[in-house]
N, C-alpha and C. Protein backbone atom coordinates (compact mmCIF):
# COMPACT_ATOMS: atom_id res chain seq x y z
N UNK A 1 14.50 -12.82 21.96
CA UNK A 1 14.09 -14.22 22.08
C UNK A 1 15.23 -15.01 22.71
N UNK A 2 14.85 -15.95 23.59
CA UNK A 2 15.85 -16.75 24.27
C UNK A 2 16.61 -17.59 23.29
N UNK A 3 17.90 -17.83 23.62
CA UNK A 3 18.72 -18.64 22.74
C UNK A 3 19.20 -19.86 23.57
N UNK A 4 19.27 -20.99 22.92
CA UNK A 4 19.72 -22.22 23.59
C UNK A 4 21.16 -22.50 23.23
N UNK A 5 22.05 -22.08 24.06
CA UNK A 5 23.48 -22.29 23.85
C UNK A 5 23.88 -23.51 24.71
N UNK A 6 23.62 -24.66 24.13
CA UNK A 6 23.81 -25.88 24.91
C UNK A 6 24.90 -26.75 24.26
N UNK A 7 25.79 -27.20 25.01
CA UNK A 7 26.76 -28.16 24.54
C UNK A 7 26.11 -29.48 24.20
N UNK A 8 26.43 -30.05 23.05
CA UNK A 8 25.80 -31.31 22.64
C UNK A 8 25.93 -32.40 23.68
N UNK A 9 27.00 -32.35 24.47
CA UNK A 9 27.28 -33.39 25.43
C UNK A 9 26.32 -33.33 26.62
N UNK A 10 25.64 -32.18 26.84
CA UNK A 10 24.76 -32.02 28.02
C UNK A 10 23.61 -32.96 28.00
N UNK A 11 23.15 -33.37 26.82
CA UNK A 11 22.01 -34.24 26.76
C UNK A 11 22.38 -35.68 26.38
N UNK A 12 23.66 -35.94 26.31
CA UNK A 12 24.05 -37.25 25.86
C UNK A 12 23.63 -38.37 26.76
N UNK A 13 23.46 -38.02 28.06
CA UNK A 13 23.05 -39.04 29.04
C UNK A 13 21.54 -39.37 28.93
N UNK A 14 20.76 -38.54 28.24
CA UNK A 14 19.31 -38.71 28.17
C UNK A 14 18.91 -39.12 26.76
N UNK A 15 17.94 -40.03 26.68
CA UNK A 15 17.29 -40.22 25.39
C UNK A 15 16.07 -39.33 25.33
N UNK A 16 15.40 -39.31 24.20
CA UNK A 16 14.31 -38.33 23.99
C UNK A 16 13.17 -38.55 24.96
N UNK A 17 12.88 -39.79 25.31
CA UNK A 17 11.76 -40.07 26.21
C UNK A 17 12.07 -39.59 27.62
N UNK A 18 13.31 -39.76 28.04
CA UNK A 18 13.71 -39.26 29.36
C UNK A 18 13.72 -37.76 29.37
N UNK A 19 14.16 -37.14 28.31
CA UNK A 19 14.12 -35.68 28.24
C UNK A 19 12.68 -35.18 28.37
N UNK A 20 11.82 -35.82 27.66
CA UNK A 20 10.39 -35.43 27.68
C UNK A 20 9.77 -35.62 29.08
N UNK A 21 10.14 -36.70 29.71
CA UNK A 21 9.63 -36.96 31.06
C UNK A 21 10.06 -35.86 32.00
N UNK A 22 11.35 -35.48 31.90
CA UNK A 22 11.87 -34.44 32.76
C UNK A 22 11.21 -33.09 32.48
N UNK A 23 10.96 -32.82 31.22
CA UNK A 23 10.28 -31.56 30.88
C UNK A 23 8.91 -31.52 31.55
N UNK A 24 8.17 -32.64 31.48
CA UNK A 24 6.85 -32.69 32.08
C UNK A 24 6.92 -32.49 33.59
N UNK A 25 8.01 -32.87 34.18
CA UNK A 25 8.20 -32.70 35.63
C UNK A 25 8.68 -31.31 36.00
N UNK A 26 8.95 -30.46 34.95
CA UNK A 26 9.45 -29.12 35.22
C UNK A 26 10.95 -29.04 35.41
N UNK A 27 11.64 -30.03 34.93
CA UNK A 27 13.11 -30.10 35.04
C UNK A 27 13.73 -29.55 33.72
N UNK A 28 14.41 -28.44 33.82
CA UNK A 28 14.98 -27.79 32.61
C UNK A 28 16.07 -28.61 31.98
N UNK A 29 16.66 -29.53 32.71
CA UNK A 29 17.71 -30.36 32.08
C UNK A 29 17.10 -31.22 30.95
N UNK A 30 15.80 -31.51 31.08
CA UNK A 30 15.14 -32.28 30.03
C UNK A 30 15.03 -31.44 28.75
N UNK A 31 14.74 -30.15 28.90
CA UNK A 31 14.66 -29.27 27.76
C UNK A 31 16.03 -29.11 27.10
N UNK A 32 17.04 -28.90 27.94
CA UNK A 32 18.38 -28.73 27.43
C UNK A 32 18.85 -30.02 26.73
N UNK A 33 18.48 -31.16 27.32
CA UNK A 33 18.88 -32.42 26.72
C UNK A 33 18.18 -32.67 25.39
N UNK A 34 16.90 -32.28 25.29
CA UNK A 34 16.16 -32.46 24.02
C UNK A 34 16.71 -31.57 22.94
N UNK A 35 17.08 -30.36 23.33
CA UNK A 35 17.69 -29.42 22.36
C UNK A 35 19.02 -29.98 21.87
N UNK A 36 19.80 -30.50 22.79
CA UNK A 36 21.11 -31.03 22.42
C UNK A 36 20.96 -32.25 21.48
N UNK A 37 19.95 -33.02 21.72
CA UNK A 37 19.73 -34.23 20.89
C UNK A 37 19.30 -33.86 19.46
N UNK A 38 18.46 -32.83 19.28
CA UNK A 38 17.84 -32.60 17.99
C UNK A 38 18.24 -31.30 17.28
N UNK A 39 19.00 -30.43 17.95
CA UNK A 39 19.26 -29.09 17.40
C UNK A 39 19.81 -29.11 15.96
N UNK A 40 20.85 -29.94 15.73
CA UNK A 40 21.47 -29.96 14.40
C UNK A 40 20.53 -30.56 13.36
N UNK A 41 19.84 -31.62 13.75
CA UNK A 41 18.93 -32.28 12.81
C UNK A 41 17.75 -31.30 12.50
N UNK A 42 17.26 -30.63 13.50
CA UNK A 42 16.16 -29.68 13.30
C UNK A 42 16.55 -28.56 12.36
N UNK A 43 17.78 -28.07 12.50
CA UNK A 43 18.24 -27.01 11.60
C UNK A 43 18.30 -27.49 10.17
N UNK A 44 18.87 -28.68 9.94
CA UNK A 44 18.95 -29.24 8.60
C UNK A 44 17.57 -29.49 8.04
N UNK A 45 16.68 -30.02 8.89
CA UNK A 45 15.30 -30.29 8.48
C UNK A 45 14.58 -29.02 8.10
N UNK A 46 14.75 -27.98 8.95
CA UNK A 46 14.10 -26.71 8.72
C UNK A 46 14.56 -26.03 7.45
N UNK A 47 15.86 -26.14 7.17
CA UNK A 47 16.43 -25.55 5.95
C UNK A 47 15.95 -26.23 4.71
N UNK A 48 15.55 -27.53 4.84
CA UNK A 48 15.00 -28.24 3.68
C UNK A 48 13.60 -27.74 3.32
N UNK A 49 12.93 -27.09 4.33
CA UNK A 49 11.62 -26.51 4.08
C UNK A 49 11.75 -25.07 3.63
N UNK A 50 12.59 -24.32 4.33
CA UNK A 50 12.79 -22.89 4.01
C UNK A 50 14.28 -22.61 4.07
N UNK A 51 14.93 -22.31 2.96
CA UNK A 51 16.40 -22.06 2.95
C UNK A 51 16.72 -20.67 3.54
N UNK A 52 16.29 -20.47 4.78
CA UNK A 52 16.52 -19.21 5.44
C UNK A 52 16.97 -19.50 6.86
N UNK A 53 18.27 -19.46 7.07
CA UNK A 53 18.83 -19.90 8.37
C UNK A 53 18.29 -19.05 9.53
N UNK A 54 18.16 -17.78 9.34
CA UNK A 54 17.64 -16.92 10.43
C UNK A 54 16.22 -17.31 10.79
N UNK A 55 15.38 -17.50 9.80
CA UNK A 55 13.98 -17.90 10.02
C UNK A 55 13.89 -19.23 10.75
N UNK A 56 14.67 -20.20 10.27
CA UNK A 56 14.62 -21.56 10.85
C UNK A 56 15.12 -21.49 12.31
N UNK A 57 16.22 -20.78 12.54
CA UNK A 57 16.75 -20.65 13.90
C UNK A 57 15.74 -20.05 14.87
N UNK A 58 15.03 -18.98 14.41
CA UNK A 58 14.00 -18.38 15.23
C UNK A 58 12.87 -19.34 15.51
N UNK A 59 12.46 -20.10 14.50
CA UNK A 59 11.37 -21.04 14.67
C UNK A 59 11.75 -22.18 15.68
N UNK A 60 13.00 -22.64 15.58
CA UNK A 60 13.44 -23.67 16.53
C UNK A 60 13.43 -23.15 17.97
N UNK A 61 13.92 -21.92 18.14
CA UNK A 61 13.95 -21.34 19.49
C UNK A 61 12.53 -21.14 20.00
N UNK A 62 11.64 -20.67 19.13
CA UNK A 62 10.25 -20.49 19.55
C UNK A 62 9.61 -21.86 19.92
N UNK A 63 9.95 -22.86 19.15
CA UNK A 63 9.41 -24.17 19.39
C UNK A 63 9.82 -24.66 20.81
N UNK A 64 11.05 -24.53 21.16
CA UNK A 64 11.50 -25.01 22.47
C UNK A 64 10.95 -24.17 23.61
N UNK A 65 10.78 -22.90 23.38
CA UNK A 65 10.16 -22.02 24.38
C UNK A 65 8.71 -22.47 24.61
N UNK A 66 8.02 -22.81 23.51
CA UNK A 66 6.64 -23.25 23.65
C UNK A 66 6.54 -24.62 24.28
N UNK A 67 7.48 -25.50 23.99
CA UNK A 67 7.50 -26.83 24.62
C UNK A 67 7.58 -26.66 26.16
N UNK A 68 8.45 -25.73 26.61
CA UNK A 68 8.56 -25.51 28.02
C UNK A 68 7.36 -24.77 28.58
N UNK A 69 6.83 -23.83 27.85
CA UNK A 69 5.68 -23.05 28.32
C UNK A 69 4.45 -23.90 28.50
N UNK A 70 4.24 -24.85 27.56
CA UNK A 70 3.04 -25.64 27.59
C UNK A 70 3.32 -27.11 28.05
N UNK A 71 4.34 -27.25 28.89
CA UNK A 71 4.75 -28.61 29.32
C UNK A 71 3.67 -29.29 30.15
N UNK A 72 2.76 -28.55 30.72
CA UNK A 72 1.73 -29.15 31.60
C UNK A 72 0.35 -29.21 30.92
N UNK A 73 0.33 -29.18 29.61
CA UNK A 73 -0.96 -29.20 28.90
C UNK A 73 -1.59 -30.60 28.82
N UNK A 74 -0.87 -31.62 29.30
CA UNK A 74 -1.48 -32.93 29.33
C UNK A 74 -1.48 -33.71 28.02
N UNK A 75 -0.88 -33.17 26.97
CA UNK A 75 -0.86 -33.83 25.67
C UNK A 75 0.07 -35.04 25.75
N UNK A 76 -0.46 -36.21 25.33
CA UNK A 76 0.35 -37.42 25.35
C UNK A 76 1.15 -37.50 24.06
N UNK A 77 2.46 -37.68 24.16
CA UNK A 77 3.34 -37.81 23.01
C UNK A 77 4.02 -39.16 23.00
N UNK A 78 3.72 -39.98 22.00
CA UNK A 78 4.29 -41.32 21.95
C UNK A 78 5.65 -41.31 21.26
N UNK A 79 5.79 -40.50 20.22
CA UNK A 79 7.06 -40.41 19.50
C UNK A 79 7.53 -38.96 19.61
N UNK A 80 8.46 -38.75 20.53
CA UNK A 80 8.89 -37.37 20.82
C UNK A 80 9.55 -36.71 19.57
N UNK A 81 10.42 -37.46 18.91
CA UNK A 81 11.14 -36.89 17.73
C UNK A 81 10.16 -36.48 16.65
N UNK A 82 9.20 -37.36 16.33
CA UNK A 82 8.23 -37.06 15.28
C UNK A 82 7.39 -35.82 15.67
N UNK A 83 7.03 -35.77 16.98
CA UNK A 83 6.23 -34.67 17.46
C UNK A 83 6.98 -33.35 17.29
N UNK A 84 8.25 -33.31 17.70
CA UNK A 84 9.07 -32.07 17.61
C UNK A 84 9.29 -31.66 16.17
N UNK A 85 9.62 -32.61 15.32
CA UNK A 85 9.91 -32.27 13.92
C UNK A 85 8.64 -31.77 13.21
N UNK A 86 7.51 -32.44 13.48
CA UNK A 86 6.26 -32.02 12.86
C UNK A 86 5.87 -30.61 13.33
N UNK A 87 6.07 -30.38 14.64
CA UNK A 87 5.76 -29.03 15.21
C UNK A 87 6.61 -27.97 14.53
N UNK A 88 7.88 -28.28 14.30
CA UNK A 88 8.78 -27.31 13.65
C UNK A 88 8.31 -27.03 12.22
N UNK A 89 7.97 -28.10 11.50
CA UNK A 89 7.52 -27.96 10.11
C UNK A 89 6.28 -27.04 10.02
N UNK A 90 5.32 -27.26 10.93
CA UNK A 90 4.14 -26.43 10.96
C UNK A 90 4.44 -24.97 11.28
N UNK A 91 5.38 -24.80 12.21
CA UNK A 91 5.75 -23.43 12.60
C UNK A 91 6.44 -22.69 11.47
N UNK A 92 7.32 -23.36 10.74
CA UNK A 92 8.02 -22.74 9.62
C UNK A 92 7.03 -22.39 8.48
N UNK A 93 6.12 -23.32 8.21
CA UNK A 93 5.14 -23.08 7.14
C UNK A 93 4.22 -21.91 7.48
N UNK A 94 3.82 -21.80 8.77
CA UNK A 94 3.01 -20.64 9.19
C UNK A 94 3.78 -19.35 9.04
N UNK A 95 5.05 -19.41 9.38
CA UNK A 95 5.89 -18.19 9.29
C UNK A 95 6.08 -17.79 7.84
N UNK A 96 6.21 -18.76 6.93
CA UNK A 96 6.32 -18.46 5.53
C UNK A 96 5.08 -17.74 5.01
N UNK A 97 3.92 -18.28 5.40
CA UNK A 97 2.66 -17.64 5.02
C UNK A 97 2.52 -16.27 5.57
N UNK A 98 2.95 -16.10 6.85
CA UNK A 98 2.86 -14.79 7.51
C UNK A 98 3.77 -13.79 6.77
N UNK A 99 4.99 -14.24 6.46
CA UNK A 99 5.92 -13.36 5.73
C UNK A 99 5.38 -13.02 4.36
N UNK A 100 4.78 -13.98 3.68
CA UNK A 100 4.22 -13.73 2.37
C UNK A 100 3.08 -12.69 2.43
N UNK A 101 2.23 -12.88 3.43
CA UNK A 101 1.11 -11.94 3.59
C UNK A 101 1.62 -10.55 3.94
N UNK A 102 2.66 -10.49 4.76
CA UNK A 102 3.21 -9.21 5.14
C UNK A 102 3.84 -8.48 3.94
N UNK A 103 4.53 -9.24 3.12
CA UNK A 103 5.14 -8.63 1.92
C UNK A 103 4.05 -8.16 0.97
N UNK A 104 3.00 -9.00 0.82
CA UNK A 104 1.88 -8.65 -0.06
C UNK A 104 1.19 -7.36 0.40
N UNK A 105 1.03 -7.27 1.72
CA UNK A 105 0.39 -6.08 2.29
C UNK A 105 1.28 -4.86 2.07
N UNK A 106 2.58 -5.01 2.34
CA UNK A 106 3.51 -3.87 2.18
C UNK A 106 3.52 -3.44 0.70
N UNK A 107 3.52 -4.43 -0.20
CA UNK A 107 3.50 -4.10 -1.63
C UNK A 107 2.23 -3.37 -2.02
N UNK A 108 1.10 -3.84 -1.47
CA UNK A 108 -0.19 -3.22 -1.80
C UNK A 108 -0.19 -1.79 -1.25
N UNK A 109 0.32 -1.62 -0.03
CA UNK A 109 0.36 -0.29 0.57
C UNK A 109 1.30 0.65 -0.20
N UNK A 110 2.43 0.09 -0.69
CA UNK A 110 3.34 0.89 -1.48
C UNK A 110 2.73 1.32 -2.80
N UNK A 111 2.01 0.41 -3.46
CA UNK A 111 1.35 0.79 -4.73
C UNK A 111 0.22 1.78 -4.48
N UNK A 112 -0.46 1.56 -3.36
CA UNK A 112 -1.57 2.49 -3.01
C UNK A 112 -1.03 3.90 -2.77
N UNK A 113 0.06 3.96 -2.00
CA UNK A 113 0.68 5.26 -1.70
C UNK A 113 1.22 5.89 -3.00
N UNK A 114 1.82 5.09 -3.85
CA UNK A 114 2.39 5.59 -5.13
C UNK A 114 1.27 6.12 -6.00
N UNK A 115 0.13 5.40 -6.04
CA UNK A 115 -1.00 5.81 -6.87
C UNK A 115 -1.54 7.17 -6.41
N UNK A 116 -1.77 7.27 -5.10
CA UNK A 116 -2.37 8.50 -4.60
C UNK A 116 -1.37 9.67 -4.64
N UNK A 117 -0.06 9.34 -4.51
CA UNK A 117 0.93 10.39 -4.62
C UNK A 117 0.94 10.96 -6.04
N UNK A 118 0.91 10.01 -7.02
CA UNK A 118 0.88 10.46 -8.40
C UNK A 118 -0.39 11.16 -8.73
N UNK A 119 -1.52 10.64 -8.18
CA UNK A 119 -2.80 11.25 -8.42
C UNK A 119 -2.82 12.66 -7.86
N UNK A 120 -2.23 12.82 -6.66
CA UNK A 120 -2.17 14.15 -6.03
C UNK A 120 -1.30 15.08 -6.83
N UNK A 121 -0.16 14.55 -7.30
CA UNK A 121 0.74 15.38 -8.11
C UNK A 121 0.05 15.84 -9.42
N UNK A 122 -0.64 14.90 -10.06
CA UNK A 122 -1.34 15.24 -11.28
C UNK A 122 -2.44 16.28 -11.00
N UNK A 123 -3.07 16.14 -9.79
CA UNK A 123 -4.13 17.10 -9.46
C UNK A 123 -3.55 18.49 -9.30
N UNK A 124 -2.36 18.58 -8.67
CA UNK A 124 -1.72 19.86 -8.46
C UNK A 124 -1.32 20.47 -9.81
N UNK A 125 -0.78 19.64 -10.70
CA UNK A 125 -0.39 20.11 -12.03
C UNK A 125 -1.57 20.62 -12.79
N UNK A 126 -2.69 19.83 -12.68
CA UNK A 126 -3.94 20.24 -13.39
C UNK A 126 -4.44 21.58 -12.84
N UNK A 127 -4.38 21.74 -11.53
CA UNK A 127 -4.88 23.02 -10.96
C UNK A 127 -3.95 24.19 -11.39
N UNK A 128 -2.69 23.92 -11.42
CA UNK A 128 -1.73 25.00 -11.85
C UNK A 128 -2.01 25.41 -13.28
N UNK A 129 -2.21 24.40 -14.16
CA UNK A 129 -2.50 24.71 -15.53
C UNK A 129 -3.84 25.45 -15.65
N UNK A 130 -4.82 24.99 -14.88
CA UNK A 130 -6.13 25.63 -14.93
C UNK A 130 -6.02 27.10 -14.46
N UNK A 131 -5.26 27.34 -13.43
CA UNK A 131 -5.09 28.71 -12.94
C UNK A 131 -4.43 29.56 -13.98
N UNK A 132 -3.41 29.01 -14.65
CA UNK A 132 -2.68 29.75 -15.69
C UNK A 132 -3.63 30.09 -16.85
N UNK A 133 -4.39 29.10 -17.29
CA UNK A 133 -5.32 29.35 -18.39
C UNK A 133 -6.35 30.39 -17.99
N UNK A 134 -6.89 30.27 -16.79
CA UNK A 134 -7.90 31.22 -16.34
C UNK A 134 -7.34 32.64 -16.29
N UNK A 135 -6.11 32.74 -15.80
CA UNK A 135 -5.50 34.10 -15.70
C UNK A 135 -5.29 34.70 -17.10
N UNK A 136 -4.78 33.87 -18.02
CA UNK A 136 -4.54 34.40 -19.38
C UNK A 136 -5.84 34.72 -20.07
N UNK A 137 -6.87 33.94 -19.75
CA UNK A 137 -8.20 34.19 -20.36
C UNK A 137 -8.74 35.53 -19.84
N UNK A 138 -8.60 35.74 -18.53
CA UNK A 138 -9.06 37.01 -17.99
C UNK A 138 -8.32 38.19 -18.62
N UNK A 139 -7.03 38.00 -18.78
CA UNK A 139 -6.22 39.10 -19.43
C UNK A 139 -6.72 39.38 -20.83
N UNK A 140 -7.06 38.29 -21.57
CA UNK A 140 -7.55 38.42 -22.92
C UNK A 140 -8.90 39.15 -22.94
N UNK A 141 -9.77 38.74 -22.04
CA UNK A 141 -11.10 39.33 -21.98
C UNK A 141 -11.03 40.81 -21.62
N UNK A 142 -10.09 41.14 -20.76
CA UNK A 142 -9.95 42.58 -20.33
C UNK A 142 -9.62 43.48 -21.50
N UNK A 143 -8.99 42.90 -22.57
CA UNK A 143 -8.57 43.71 -23.69
C UNK A 143 -9.71 43.92 -24.69
N UNK A 144 -10.82 43.21 -24.50
CA UNK A 144 -11.95 43.39 -25.43
C UNK A 144 -12.71 44.67 -25.15
N UNK A 145 -13.34 45.26 -26.15
CA UNK A 145 -14.25 46.39 -25.93
C UNK A 145 -15.34 45.96 -24.94
N UNK A 146 -15.87 46.90 -24.22
CA UNK A 146 -16.82 46.60 -23.13
C UNK A 146 -18.05 45.81 -23.60
N UNK A 147 -18.60 46.15 -24.78
CA UNK A 147 -19.80 45.43 -25.28
C UNK A 147 -19.46 43.99 -25.65
N UNK A 148 -18.29 43.81 -26.26
CA UNK A 148 -17.86 42.47 -26.62
C UNK A 148 -17.59 41.63 -25.37
N UNK A 149 -17.00 42.26 -24.39
CA UNK A 149 -16.75 41.56 -23.13
C UNK A 149 -18.04 41.14 -22.47
N UNK A 150 -19.02 42.03 -22.56
CA UNK A 150 -20.36 41.76 -21.98
C UNK A 150 -21.05 40.61 -22.65
N UNK A 151 -21.02 40.56 -23.99
CA UNK A 151 -21.69 39.49 -24.69
C UNK A 151 -20.98 38.13 -24.47
N UNK A 152 -19.71 38.15 -24.37
CA UNK A 152 -18.92 36.93 -24.10
C UNK A 152 -19.33 36.36 -22.71
N UNK A 153 -19.46 37.26 -21.75
CA UNK A 153 -19.87 36.83 -20.42
C UNK A 153 -21.24 36.20 -20.43
N UNK A 154 -22.19 36.79 -21.14
CA UNK A 154 -23.52 36.27 -21.20
C UNK A 154 -23.58 34.90 -21.93
N UNK A 155 -22.81 34.82 -23.04
CA UNK A 155 -22.88 33.62 -23.88
C UNK A 155 -22.19 32.46 -23.21
N UNK A 156 -20.94 32.67 -22.76
CA UNK A 156 -20.13 31.53 -22.32
C UNK A 156 -20.11 31.29 -20.79
N UNK A 157 -20.35 32.32 -20.03
CA UNK A 157 -20.22 32.15 -18.57
C UNK A 157 -21.60 32.05 -17.88
N UNK A 158 -22.61 32.72 -18.45
CA UNK A 158 -23.93 32.68 -17.89
C UNK A 158 -24.87 31.84 -18.67
N UNK A 159 -24.41 31.32 -19.85
CA UNK A 159 -25.22 30.44 -20.69
C UNK A 159 -26.63 30.94 -20.99
N UNK A 160 -26.69 32.24 -21.28
CA UNK A 160 -27.99 32.83 -21.64
C UNK A 160 -28.28 32.63 -23.11
N UNK A 161 -29.57 32.59 -23.43
CA UNK A 161 -29.96 32.44 -24.82
C UNK A 161 -29.75 33.78 -25.55
N UNK A 162 -29.76 33.73 -26.87
CA UNK A 162 -29.58 34.96 -27.64
C UNK A 162 -30.72 35.95 -27.47
N UNK A 163 -31.94 35.38 -27.24
CA UNK A 163 -33.10 36.25 -26.97
C UNK A 163 -32.92 36.98 -25.65
N UNK A 164 -32.45 36.22 -24.62
CA UNK A 164 -32.21 36.85 -23.31
C UNK A 164 -31.17 37.92 -23.38
N UNK A 165 -30.10 37.63 -24.13
CA UNK A 165 -28.99 38.58 -24.26
C UNK A 165 -29.46 39.84 -24.98
N UNK A 166 -30.28 39.68 -26.04
CA UNK A 166 -30.75 40.83 -26.80
C UNK A 166 -31.56 41.77 -25.93
N UNK A 167 -32.36 41.17 -25.03
CA UNK A 167 -33.18 41.99 -24.13
C UNK A 167 -32.30 42.71 -23.08
N UNK A 168 -31.31 42.00 -22.57
CA UNK A 168 -30.43 42.58 -21.55
C UNK A 168 -29.59 43.71 -22.10
N UNK A 169 -29.12 43.53 -23.38
CA UNK A 169 -28.25 44.51 -23.96
C UNK A 169 -28.97 45.57 -24.79
N UNK A 170 -30.29 45.38 -24.97
CA UNK A 170 -31.10 46.34 -25.74
C UNK A 170 -30.76 46.35 -27.21
N UNK A 171 -30.39 45.16 -27.76
CA UNK A 171 -30.12 45.05 -29.18
C UNK A 171 -30.89 43.86 -29.74
N UNK A 172 -30.98 43.81 -31.06
CA UNK A 172 -31.70 42.67 -31.66
C UNK A 172 -30.84 41.43 -31.71
N UNK A 173 -31.47 40.28 -31.98
CA UNK A 173 -30.77 39.02 -31.96
C UNK A 173 -29.62 38.98 -32.98
N UNK A 174 -29.82 39.56 -34.16
CA UNK A 174 -28.77 39.56 -35.20
C UNK A 174 -27.52 40.31 -34.68
N UNK A 175 -27.78 41.37 -33.94
CA UNK A 175 -26.65 42.16 -33.40
C UNK A 175 -25.91 41.35 -32.33
N UNK A 176 -26.64 40.49 -31.59
CA UNK A 176 -26.00 39.62 -30.63
C UNK A 176 -25.04 38.71 -31.34
N UNK A 177 -25.49 38.07 -32.46
CA UNK A 177 -24.62 37.20 -33.26
C UNK A 177 -23.38 37.96 -33.73
N UNK A 178 -23.61 39.14 -34.27
CA UNK A 178 -22.48 39.92 -34.84
C UNK A 178 -21.47 40.30 -33.75
N UNK A 179 -21.99 40.76 -32.62
CA UNK A 179 -21.13 41.20 -31.49
C UNK A 179 -20.34 39.98 -30.96
N UNK A 180 -20.99 38.88 -30.85
CA UNK A 180 -20.34 37.63 -30.38
C UNK A 180 -19.20 37.25 -31.29
N UNK A 181 -19.51 37.31 -32.62
CA UNK A 181 -18.49 36.90 -33.60
C UNK A 181 -17.30 37.83 -33.58
N UNK A 182 -17.51 39.11 -33.44
CA UNK A 182 -16.39 40.08 -33.38
C UNK A 182 -15.53 39.79 -32.14
N UNK A 183 -16.16 39.49 -31.00
CA UNK A 183 -15.45 39.21 -29.77
C UNK A 183 -14.59 37.98 -29.95
N UNK A 184 -15.15 36.94 -30.58
CA UNK A 184 -14.43 35.70 -30.80
C UNK A 184 -13.23 35.93 -31.72
N UNK A 185 -13.43 36.72 -32.74
CA UNK A 185 -12.33 37.05 -33.66
C UNK A 185 -11.21 37.76 -32.96
N UNK A 186 -11.54 38.71 -32.11
CA UNK A 186 -10.51 39.41 -31.36
C UNK A 186 -9.74 38.48 -30.40
N UNK A 187 -10.46 37.59 -29.76
CA UNK A 187 -9.77 36.62 -28.87
C UNK A 187 -8.90 35.68 -29.67
N UNK A 188 -9.36 35.31 -30.86
CA UNK A 188 -8.65 34.33 -31.68
C UNK A 188 -7.31 34.89 -32.14
N UNK A 189 -7.21 36.15 -32.30
CA UNK A 189 -5.96 36.77 -32.81
C UNK A 189 -4.77 36.41 -31.92
N UNK A 190 -4.97 36.42 -30.62
CA UNK A 190 -3.84 36.24 -29.73
C UNK A 190 -3.99 35.04 -28.80
N UNK A 191 -5.20 34.49 -28.66
CA UNK A 191 -5.43 33.41 -27.71
C UNK A 191 -6.27 32.32 -28.31
N UNK A 192 -5.81 31.80 -29.43
CA UNK A 192 -6.60 30.77 -30.11
C UNK A 192 -6.77 29.50 -29.23
N UNK A 193 -5.73 29.08 -28.56
CA UNK A 193 -5.80 27.89 -27.69
C UNK A 193 -6.75 28.16 -26.54
N UNK A 194 -6.66 29.35 -25.96
CA UNK A 194 -7.53 29.67 -24.84
C UNK A 194 -8.97 29.71 -25.28
N UNK A 195 -9.20 30.23 -26.48
CA UNK A 195 -10.57 30.30 -27.00
C UNK A 195 -11.11 28.89 -27.19
N UNK A 196 -10.26 27.99 -27.69
CA UNK A 196 -10.70 26.60 -27.89
C UNK A 196 -11.08 25.99 -26.57
N UNK A 197 -10.29 26.25 -25.50
CA UNK A 197 -10.61 25.73 -24.20
C UNK A 197 -11.90 26.35 -23.67
N UNK A 198 -12.11 27.62 -23.97
CA UNK A 198 -13.34 28.30 -23.56
C UNK A 198 -14.54 27.71 -24.20
N UNK A 199 -14.45 27.42 -25.50
CA UNK A 199 -15.58 26.83 -26.23
C UNK A 199 -15.91 25.41 -25.76
N UNK A 200 -14.92 24.70 -25.24
CA UNK A 200 -15.11 23.35 -24.79
C UNK A 200 -15.63 23.33 -23.33
N UNK A 201 -15.53 24.44 -22.63
CA UNK A 201 -15.90 24.44 -21.21
C UNK A 201 -17.38 24.23 -21.03
């Protein structure tokens, strides 16, 4: 951004109306003179709105750049000083709102990222635990006698009724109950927690 490094004496020969007239004519000495007249007052005024020297300095520079850029817009200005100070106040207030919105957005994005990062990490932990439980469960089931392993598969993994299981295994319903109970007792001996998880599945 352009910077106005102007000696205060450069505009001492001009009053604000003459500076403004020269600006309208495309004479940069008018812009330099206006800056020299108001620079210190504008800084003090700006700091009274926002105690941020860097922000105020940028707004003042942008204001003078815009004054020069839009010098031919035909707007009639009766009180140059009031016009310039009011324009600076509006620019600073807009910048404050913009900064506030930017910080709010960054904060929201940060929280969003943190949430999904944690959610992702918890998902990974959950999957790891699930894989561990499943592996230990498979190990436990492998140690069961074949008929007990078969009835556990029908009861808990295929959700078959006792009547269906009795027909598949060629045994009566009472034998299905007995075989299931024996399988559960064997699992309970070494894998009580895993059995509880299995029953809740």
